[in-house]
Structure formats: C-alpha cells, structure tokens
Amino acid sequence: MIQSIILWFEDKAFGVCHSIGKYLGIPAGIIRKYFVYLSFFTFGSPVIIYFVLLFFKENKRFFQRIFFPKANIWEL
C-alpha cells in the first residue's frame, strides 16, 4: 500500500526528474539533488523550467497528435 502511494507520488510530483533520468540513464535522485542545488544558487529560476517541462509531460499525448500524426497508408 505504502509502496504504491510512493510510486504514485513520485510519478506525479517528481515525474519530470524521473523522465529525464530515464532518458539520460541517470538515477532520478541525482537529478533531483542537482535541481535543488541549482535552485538555491539561481534563486529558484529552475522552478519555472520545471513547471514548463511538467506541462509538456502531462500533455504529451496532445502534442504528439499535433506534431506527429499517424499516417494512414491510404493518405500517402
């Protein structure tokens, strides 16, 4: 039960760091740690970047439909 709550929270709250870590092959904890350090040194400006990336992550299907439509063989 607790494990499923943790996984849900990690997917929703920290999904951006997890996605970047999976893409780069780096553990998500390291990316989170450097994100916090970078936020302290730049007075929180990476938080704006985080929210932009979160917006695109949550609306990924919508943007895929617009920019990468599936071509039908009859449309070619």
PDB file of N, CA and C in Angstrom:
ATOM      1  N   MET A   1       0.823  -1.194   0.000  1.00  0.00           N
ATOM      2  CA  MET A   1       0.000   0.000   0.000  1.00  0.00           C
ATOM      3  C   MET A   1       0.867   1.258   0.000  1.00  0.00           C
ATOM      4  N   ILE A   2       1.813   1.307   0.923  1.00  0.00           N
ATOM      5  CA  ILE A   2       2.691   2.473   1.018  1.00  0.00           C
ATOM      6  C   ILE A   2       3.540   2.598  -0.240  1.00  0.00           C
ATOM      7  N   GLN A   3       4.012   1.467  -0.748  1.00  0.00           N
ATOM      8  CA  GLN A   3       4.846   1.483  -1.952  1.00  0.00           C
ATOM      9  C   GLN A   3       4.075   2.050  -3.140  1.00  0.00           C
ATOM     10  N   SER A   4       2.797   1.704  -3.274  1.00  0.00           N
ATOM     11  CA  SER A   4       2.008   2.229  -4.388  1.00  0.00           C
ATOM     12  C   SER A   4       1.770   3.725  -4.232  1.00  0.00           C
ATOM     13  N   ILE A   5       1.614   4.202  -3.003  1.00  0.00           N
ATOM     14  CA  ILE A   5       1.454   5.639  -2.777  1.00  0.00           C
ATOM     15  C   ILE A   5       2.737   6.365  -3.127  1.00  0.00           C
ATOM     16  N   ILE A   6       3.868   5.800  -2.746  1.00  0.00           N
ATOM     17  CA  ILE A   6       5.156   6.421  -3.059  1.00  0.00           C
ATOM     18  C   ILE A   6       5.371   6.466  -4.566  1.00  0.00           C
ATOM     19  N   LEU A   7       5.054   5.380  -5.267  1.00  0.00           N
ATOM     20  CA  LEU A   7       5.227   5.371  -6.718  1.00  0.00           C
ATOM     21  C   LEU A   7       4.296   6.369  -7.398  1.00  0.00           C
ATOM     22  N   TRP A   8       3.055   6.479  -6.905  1.00  0.00           N
ATOM     23  CA  TRP A   8       2.128   7.451  -7.477  1.00  0.00           C
ATOM     24  C   TRP A   8       2.641   8.867  -7.255  1.00  0.00           C
ATOM     25  N   PHE A   9       3.106   9.156  -6.023  1.00  0.00           N
ATOM     26  CA  PHE A   9       3.611  10.488  -5.705  1.00  0.00           C
ATOM     27  C   PHE A   9       4.851  10.814  -6.527  1.00  0.00           C
ATOM     28  N   GLU A  10       5.720   9.826  -6.702  1.00  0.00           N
ATOM     29  CA  GLU A  10       6.922  10.062  -7.489  1.00  0.00           C
ATOM     30  C   GLU A  10       6.576  10.319  -8.942  1.00  0.00           C
ATOM     31  N   ASP A  11       5.599   9.620  -9.461  1.00  0.00           N
ATOM     32  CA  ASP A  11       5.214   9.820 -10.855  1.00  0.00           C
ATOM     33  C   ASP A  11       4.574  11.180 -11.066  1.00  0.00           C
ATOM     34  N   LYS A  12       3.730  11.619 -10.142  1.00  0.00           N
ATOM     35  CA  LYS A  12       3.026  12.890 -10.301  1.00  0.00           C
ATOM     36  C   LYS A  12       3.868  14.089  -9.882  1.00  0.00           C
ATOM     37  N   ALA A  13       4.528  14.011  -8.741  1.00  0.00           N
ATOM     38  CA  ALA A  13       5.255  15.160  -8.226  1.00  0.00           C
ATOM     39  C   ALA A  13       6.666  15.262  -8.792  1.00  0.00           C
ATOM     40  N   PHE A  14       7.313  14.128  -8.979  1.00  0.00           N
ATOM     41  CA  PHE A  14       8.693  14.147  -9.435  1.00  0.00           C
ATOM     42  C   PHE A  14       8.836  13.478 -10.795  1.00  0.00           C
ATOM     43  N   GLY A  15       7.809  13.485 -11.576  1.00  0.00           N
ATOM     44  CA  GLY A  15       7.828  12.808 -12.865  1.00  0.00           C
ATOM     45  C   GLY A  15       8.803  13.402 -13.851  1.00  0.00           C
ATOM     46  N   VAL A  16       9.042  14.696 -13.756  1.00  0.00           N
ATOM     47  CA  VAL A  16       9.963  15.345 -14.687  1.00  0.00           C
ATOM     48  C   VAL A  16      11.377  14.841 -14.446  1.00  0.00           C
ATOM     49  N   CYS A  17      11.805  14.818 -13.200  1.00  0.00           N
ATOM     50  CA  CYS A  17      13.153  14.344 -12.881  1.00  0.00           C
ATOM     51  C   CYS A  17      13.300  12.863 -13.228  1.00  0.00           C
ATOM     52  N   HIS A  18      12.262  12.107 -12.985  1.00  0.00           N
ATOM     53  CA  HIS A  18      12.299  10.679 -13.299  1.00  0.00           C
ATOM     54  C   HIS A  18      12.396  10.465 -14.819  1.00  0.00           C
ATOM     55  N   SER A  19      11.642  11.224 -15.579  1.00  0.00           N
ATOM     56  CA  SER A  19      11.678  11.088 -17.037  1.00  0.00           C
ATOM     57  C   SER A  19      13.038  11.486 -17.607  1.00  0.00           C
ATOM     58  N   ILE A  20      13.595  12.565 -17.097  1.00  0.00           N
ATOM     59  CA  ILE A  20      14.914  13.000 -17.555  1.00  0.00           C
ATOM     60  C   ILE A  20      15.966  11.959 -17.179  1.00  0.00           C
ATOM     61  N   GLY A  21      15.867  11.418 -15.969  1.00  0.00           N
ATOM     62  CA  GLY A  21      16.811  10.391 -15.537  1.00  0.00           C
ATOM     63  C   GLY A  21      16.715   9.134 -16.365  1.00  0.00           C
ATOM     64  N   LYS A  22      15.498   8.739 -16.695  1.00  0.00           N
ATOM     65  CA  LYS A  22      15.326   7.543 -17.524  1.00  0.00           C
ATOM     66  C   LYS A  22      15.872   7.776 -18.928  1.00  0.00           C
ATOM     67  N   TYR A  23      15.669   8.967 -19.460  1.00  0.00           N
ATOM     68  CA  TYR A  23      16.157   9.303 -20.801  1.00  0.00           C
ATOM     69  C   TYR A  23      17.682   9.338 -20.851  1.00  0.00           C
ATOM     70  N   LEU A  24      18.306   9.880 -19.800  1.00  0.00           N
ATOM     71  CA  LEU A  24      19.761  10.008 -19.769  1.00  0.00           C
ATOM     72  C   LEU A  24      20.463   8.814 -19.147  1.00  0.00           C
ATOM     73  N   GLY A  25      19.710   7.921 -18.502  1.00  0.00           N
ATOM     74  CA  GLY A  25      20.315   6.763 -17.850  1.00  0.00           C
ATOM     75  C   GLY A  25      20.951   7.097 -16.518  1.00  0.00           C
ATOM     76  N   ILE A  26      20.433   8.120 -15.849  1.00  0.00           N
ATOM     77  CA  ILE A  26      20.949   8.574 -14.562  1.00  0.00           C
ATOM     78  C   ILE A  26      19.853   8.362 -13.524  1.00  0.00           C
ATOM     79  N   PRO A  27      20.188   7.959 -12.304  1.00  0.00           N
ATOM     80  CA  PRO A  27      19.153   7.831 -11.275  1.00  0.00           C
ATOM     81  C   PRO A  27      18.445   9.166 -11.019  1.00  0.00           C
ATOM     82  N   ALA A  28      17.142   9.104 -10.818  1.00  0.00           N
ATOM     83  CA  ALA A  28      16.342  10.318 -10.641  1.00  0.00           C
ATOM     84  C   ALA A  28      16.739  11.079  -9.382  1.00  0.00           C
ATOM     85  N   GLY A  29      17.226  10.389  -8.361  1.00  0.00           N
ATOM     86  CA  GLY A  29      17.642  11.053  -7.130  1.00  0.00           C
ATOM     87  C   GLY A  29      18.780  12.035  -7.350  1.00  0.00           C
ATOM     88  N   ILE A  30      19.688  11.693  -8.226  1.00  0.00           N
ATOM     89  CA  ILE A  30      20.809  12.594  -8.528  1.00  0.00           C
ATOM     90  C   ILE A  30      20.307  13.848  -9.232  1.00  0.00           C
ATOM     91  N   ILE A  31      19.382  13.668 -10.156  1.00  0.00           N
ATOM     92  CA  ILE A  31      18.839  14.825 -10.871  1.00  0.00           C
ATOM     93  C   ILE A  31      18.069  15.721  -9.914  1.00  0.00           C
ATOM     94  N   ARG A  32      17.308  15.135  -9.004  1.00  0.00           N
ATOM     95  CA  ARG A  32      16.577  15.928  -8.010  1.00  0.00           C
ATOM     96  C   ARG A  32      17.536  16.715  -7.125  1.00  0.00           C
ATOM     97  N   LYS A  33      18.627  16.059  -6.706  1.00  0.00           N
ATOM     98  CA  LYS A  33      19.600  16.718  -5.837  1.00  0.00           C
ATOM     99  C   LYS A  33      20.218  17.921  -6.546  1.00  0.00           C
ATOM    100  N   TYR A  34      20.630  17.754  -7.796  1.00  0.00           N
ATOM    101  CA  TYR A  34      21.229  18.871  -8.522  1.00  0.00           C
ATOM    102  C   TYR A  34      20.198  19.934  -8.870  1.00  0.00           C
ATOM    103  N   PHE A  35      18.955  19.541  -9.053  1.00  0.00           N
ATOM    104  CA  PHE A  35      17.904  20.525  -9.282  1.00  0.00           C
ATOM    105  C   PHE A  35      17.730  21.420  -8.054  1.00  0.00           C
ATOM    106  N   VAL A  36      17.752  20.816  -6.857  1.00  0.00           N
ATOM    107  CA  VAL A  36      17.638  21.606  -5.630  1.00  0.00           C
ATOM    108  C   VAL A  36      18.839  22.523  -5.464  1.00  0.00           C
ATOM    109  N   TYR A  37      20.047  22.013  -5.699  1.00  0.00           N
ATOM    110  CA  TYR A  37      21.250  22.851  -5.602  1.00  0.00           C
ATOM    111  C   TYR A  37      21.188  24.002  -6.595  1.00  0.00           C
ATOM    112  N   LEU A  38      20.797  23.709  -7.816  1.00  0.00           N
ATOM    113  CA  LEU A  38      20.712  24.749  -8.837  1.00  0.00           C
ATOM    114  C   LEU A  38      19.651  25.783  -8.472  1.00  0.00           C
ATOM    115  N   SER A  39      18.576  25.351  -7.873  1.00  0.00           N
ATOM    116  CA  SER A  39      17.523  26.288  -7.454  1.00  0.00           C
ATOM    117  C   SER A  39      18.014  27.233  -6.374  1.00  0.00           C
ATOM    118  N   PHE A  40      18.826  26.734  -5.450  1.00  0.00           N
ATOM    119  CA  PHE A  40      19.372  27.611  -4.411  1.00  0.00           C
ATOM    120  C   PHE A  40      20.350  28.632  -4.990  1.00  0.00           C
ATOM    121  N   PHE A  41      21.183  28.194  -5.914  1.00  0.00           N
ATOM    122  CA  PHE A  41      22.193  29.098  -6.456  1.00  0.00           C
ATOM    123  C   PHE A  41      21.624  30.110  -7.434  1.00  0.00           C
ATOM    124  N   THR A  42      20.520  29.792  -8.065  1.00  0.00           N
ATOM    125  CA  THR A  42      19.935  30.716  -9.045  1.00  0.00           C
ATOM    126  C   THR A  42      18.643  31.337  -8.541  1.00  0.00           C
ATOM    127  N   PHE A  43      18.402  31.253  -7.247  1.00  0.00           N
ATOM    128  CA  PHE A  43      17.256  31.875  -6.588  1.00  0.00           C
ATOM    129  C   PHE A  43      15.916  31.379  -7.135  1.00  0.00           C
ATOM    130  N   GLY A  44      15.834  30.104  -7.454  1.00  0.00           N
ATOM    131  CA  GLY A  44      14.558  29.487  -7.794  1.00  0.00           C
ATOM    132  C   GLY A  44      14.135  29.536  -9.239  1.00  0.00           C
ATOM    133  N   SER A  45      14.958  30.058 -10.130  1.00  0.00           N
ATOM    134  CA  SER A  45      14.541  30.138 -11.533  1.00  0.00           C
ATOM    135  C   SER A  45      14.355  28.775 -12.205  1.00  0.00           C
ATOM    136  N   PRO A  46      15.049  27.702 -11.815  1.00  0.00           N
ATOM    137  CA  PRO A  46      14.765  26.407 -12.432  1.00  0.00           C
ATOM    138  C   PRO A  46      13.363  25.873 -12.132  1.00  0.00           C
ATOM    139  N   VAL A  47      12.704  26.438 -11.141  1.00  0.00           N
ATOM    140  CA  VAL A  47      11.337  26.011 -10.837  1.00  0.00           C
ATOM    141  C   VAL A  47      10.422  26.348 -12.010  1.00  0.00           C
ATOM    142  N   ILE A  48      10.660  27.459 -12.661  1.00  0.00           N
ATOM    143  CA  ILE A  48       9.875  27.836 -13.843  1.00  0.00           C
ATOM    144  C   ILE A  48      10.095  26.822 -14.953  1.00  0.00           C
ATOM    145  N   ILE A  49      11.341  26.424 -15.164  1.00  0.00           N
ATOM    146  CA  ILE A  49      11.655  25.414 -16.180  1.00  0.00           C
ATOM    147  C   ILE A  49      11.000  24.093 -15.820  1.00  0.00           C
ATOM    148  N   TYR A  50      10.999  23.760 -14.539  1.00  0.00           N
ATOM    149  CA  TYR A  50      10.372  22.519 -14.080  1.00  0.00           C
ATOM    150  C   TYR A  50       8.882  22.519 -14.411  1.00  0.00           C
ATOM    151  N   PHE A  51       8.193  23.625 -14.147  1.00  0.00           N
ATOM    152  CA  PHE A  51       6.762  23.691 -14.427  1.00  0.00           C
ATOM    153  C   PHE A  51       6.469  23.639 -15.925  1.00  0.00           C
ATOM    154  N   VAL A  52       7.322  24.223 -16.729  1.00  0.00           N
ATOM    155  CA  VAL A  52       7.145  24.134 -18.187  1.00  0.00           C
ATOM    156  C   VAL A  52       7.316  22.689 -18.644  1.00  0.00           C
ATOM    157  N   LEU A  53       8.348  22.019 -18.159  1.00  0.00           N
ATOM    158  CA  LEU A  53       8.550  20.611 -18.511  1.00  0.00           C
ATOM    159  C   LEU A  53       7.409  19.736 -17.992  1.00  0.00           C
ATOM    160  N   LEU A  54       6.891  20.039 -16.815  1.00  0.00           N
ATOM    161  CA  LEU A  54       5.763  19.298 -16.276  1.00  0.00           C
ATOM    162  C   LEU A  54       4.524  19.485 -17.144  1.00  0.00           C
ATOM    163  N   PHE A  55       4.304  20.700 -17.639  1.00  0.00           N
ATOM    164  CA  PHE A  55       3.176  20.955 -18.524  1.00  0.00           C
ATOM    165  C   PHE A  55       3.275  20.105 -19.788  1.00  0.00           C
ATOM    166  N   PHE A  56       4.459  20.072 -20.399  1.00  0.00           N
ATOM    167  CA  PHE A  56       4.635  19.276 -21.611  1.00  0.00           C
ATOM    168  C   PHE A  56       4.543  17.781 -21.330  1.00  0.00           C
ATOM    169  N   LYS A  57       5.008  17.364 -20.157  1.00  0.00           N
ATOM    170  CA  LYS A  57       4.916  15.944 -19.809  1.00  0.00           C
ATOM    171  C   LYS A  57       3.470  15.513 -19.618  1.00  0.00           C
ATOM    172  N   GLU A  58       2.689  16.340 -18.947  1.00  0.00           N
ATOM    173  CA  GLU A  58       1.298  15.994 -18.698  1.00  0.00           C
ATOM    174  C   GLU A  58       0.454  16.045 -19.972  1.00  0.00           C
ATOM    175  N   ASN A  59       0.834  16.854 -20.944  1.00  0.00           N
ATOM    176  CA  ASN A  59       0.072  16.996 -22.189  1.00  0.00           C
ATOM    177  C   ASN A  59       0.798  16.363 -23.371  1.00  0.00           C
ATOM    178  N   LYS A  60       1.590  15.356 -23.102  1.00  0.00           N
ATOM    179  CA  LYS A  60       2.414  14.708 -24.120  1.00  0.00           C
ATOM    180  C   LYS A  60       1.572  14.113 -25.244  1.00  0.00           C
ATOM    181  N   ARG A  61       0.484  13.474 -24.917  1.00  0.00           N
ATOM    182  CA  ARG A  61      -0.360  12.850 -25.941  1.00  0.00           C
ATOM    183  C   ARG A  61      -0.958  13.889 -26.872  1.00  0.00           C
ATOM    184  N   PHE A  62      -1.358  15.015 -26.323  1.00  0.00           N
ATOM    185  CA  PHE A  62      -1.931  16.080 -27.138  1.00  0.00           C
ATOM    186  C   PHE A  62      -0.905  16.606 -28.142  1.00  0.00           C
ATOM    187  N   PHE A  63       0.321  16.863 -27.679  1.00  0.00           N
ATOM    188  CA  PHE A  63       1.350  17.387 -28.560  1.00  0.00           C
ATOM    189  C   PHE A  63       1.811  16.351 -29.581  1.00  0.00           C
ATOM    190  N   GLN A  64       1.800  15.079 -29.215  1.00  0.00           N
ATOM    191  CA  GLN A  64       2.160  14.037 -30.173  1.00  0.00           C
ATOM    192  C   GLN A  64       1.142  13.959 -31.300  1.00  0.00           C
ATOM    193  N   ARG A  65      -0.135  14.131 -30.971  1.00  0.00           N
ATOM    194  CA  ARG A  65      -1.170  14.103 -32.005  1.00  0.00           C
ATOM    195  C   ARG A  65      -1.023  15.258 -32.976  1.00  0.00           C
ATOM    196  N   ILE A  66      -0.601  16.414 -32.482  1.00  0.00           N
ATOM    197  CA  ILE A  66      -0.467  17.585 -33.340  1.00  0.00           C
ATOM    198  C   ILE A  66       0.792  17.505 -34.196  1.00  0.00           C
ATOM    199  N   PHE A  67       1.928  17.226 -33.567  1.00  0.00           N
ATOM    200  CA  PHE A  67       3.199  17.297 -34.270  1.00  0.00           C
ATOM    201  C   PHE A  67       3.607  15.996 -34.962  1.00  0.00           C
ATOM    202  N   PHE A  68       3.119  14.871 -34.489  1.00  0.00           N
ATOM    203  CA  PHE A  68       3.468  13.584 -35.076  1.00  0.00           C
ATOM    204  C   PHE A  68       2.217  12.760 -35.347  1.00  0.00           C
ATOM    205  N   PRO A  69       1.388  13.206 -36.302  1.00  0.00           N
ATOM    206  CA  PRO A  69       0.181  12.420 -36.580  1.00  0.00           C
ATOM    207  C   PRO A  69       0.542  11.084 -37.243  1.00  0.00           C
ATOM    208  N   LYS A  70      -0.243  10.071 -36.920  1.00  0.00           N
ATOM    209  CA  LYS A  70      -0.004   8.767 -37.520  1.00  0.00           C
ATOM    210  C   LYS A  70      -0.529   8.791 -38.958  1.00  0.00           C
ATOM    211  N   ALA A  71       0.340   8.449 -39.859  1.00  0.00           N
ATOM    212  CA  ALA A  71      -0.038   8.462 -41.266  1.00  0.00           C
ATOM    213  C   ALA A  71      -0.714   7.135 -41.618  1.00  0.00           C
ATOM    214  N   ASN A  72      -1.808   7.228 -42.300  1.00  0.00           N
ATOM    215  CA  ASN A  72      -2.522   6.070 -42.777  1.00  0.00           C
ATOM    216  C   ASN A  72      -1.998   5.732 -44.170  1.00  0.00           C
ATOM    217  N   ILE A  73      -1.955   4.460 -44.507  1.00  0.00           N
ATOM    218  CA  ILE A  73      -1.418   4.066 -45.813  1.00  0.00           C
ATOM    219  C   ILE A  73      -2.257   4.640 -46.947  1.00  0.00           C
ATOM    220  N   TRP A  74      -3.541   4.899 -46.715  1.00  0.00           N
ATOM    221  CA  TRP A  74      -4.400   5.424 -47.774  1.00  0.00           C
ATOM    222  C   TRP A  74      -4.207   6.906 -47.969  1.00  0.00           C
ATOM    223  N   GLU A  75      -3.581   7.588 -46.998  1.00  0.00           N
ATOM    224  CA  GLU A  75      -3.343   9.025 -47.107  1.00  0.00           C
ATOM    225  C   GLU A  75      -2.043   9.353 -47.822  1.00  0.00           C
ATOM    226  N   LEU A  76      -1.201   8.366 -48.056  1.00  0.00           N
ATOM    227  CA  LEU A  76       0.114   8.641 -48.661  1.00  0.00           C
ATOM    228  C   LEU A  76       0.024   8.895 -50.130  1.00  0.00           C
TER     229      LEU A  76
END
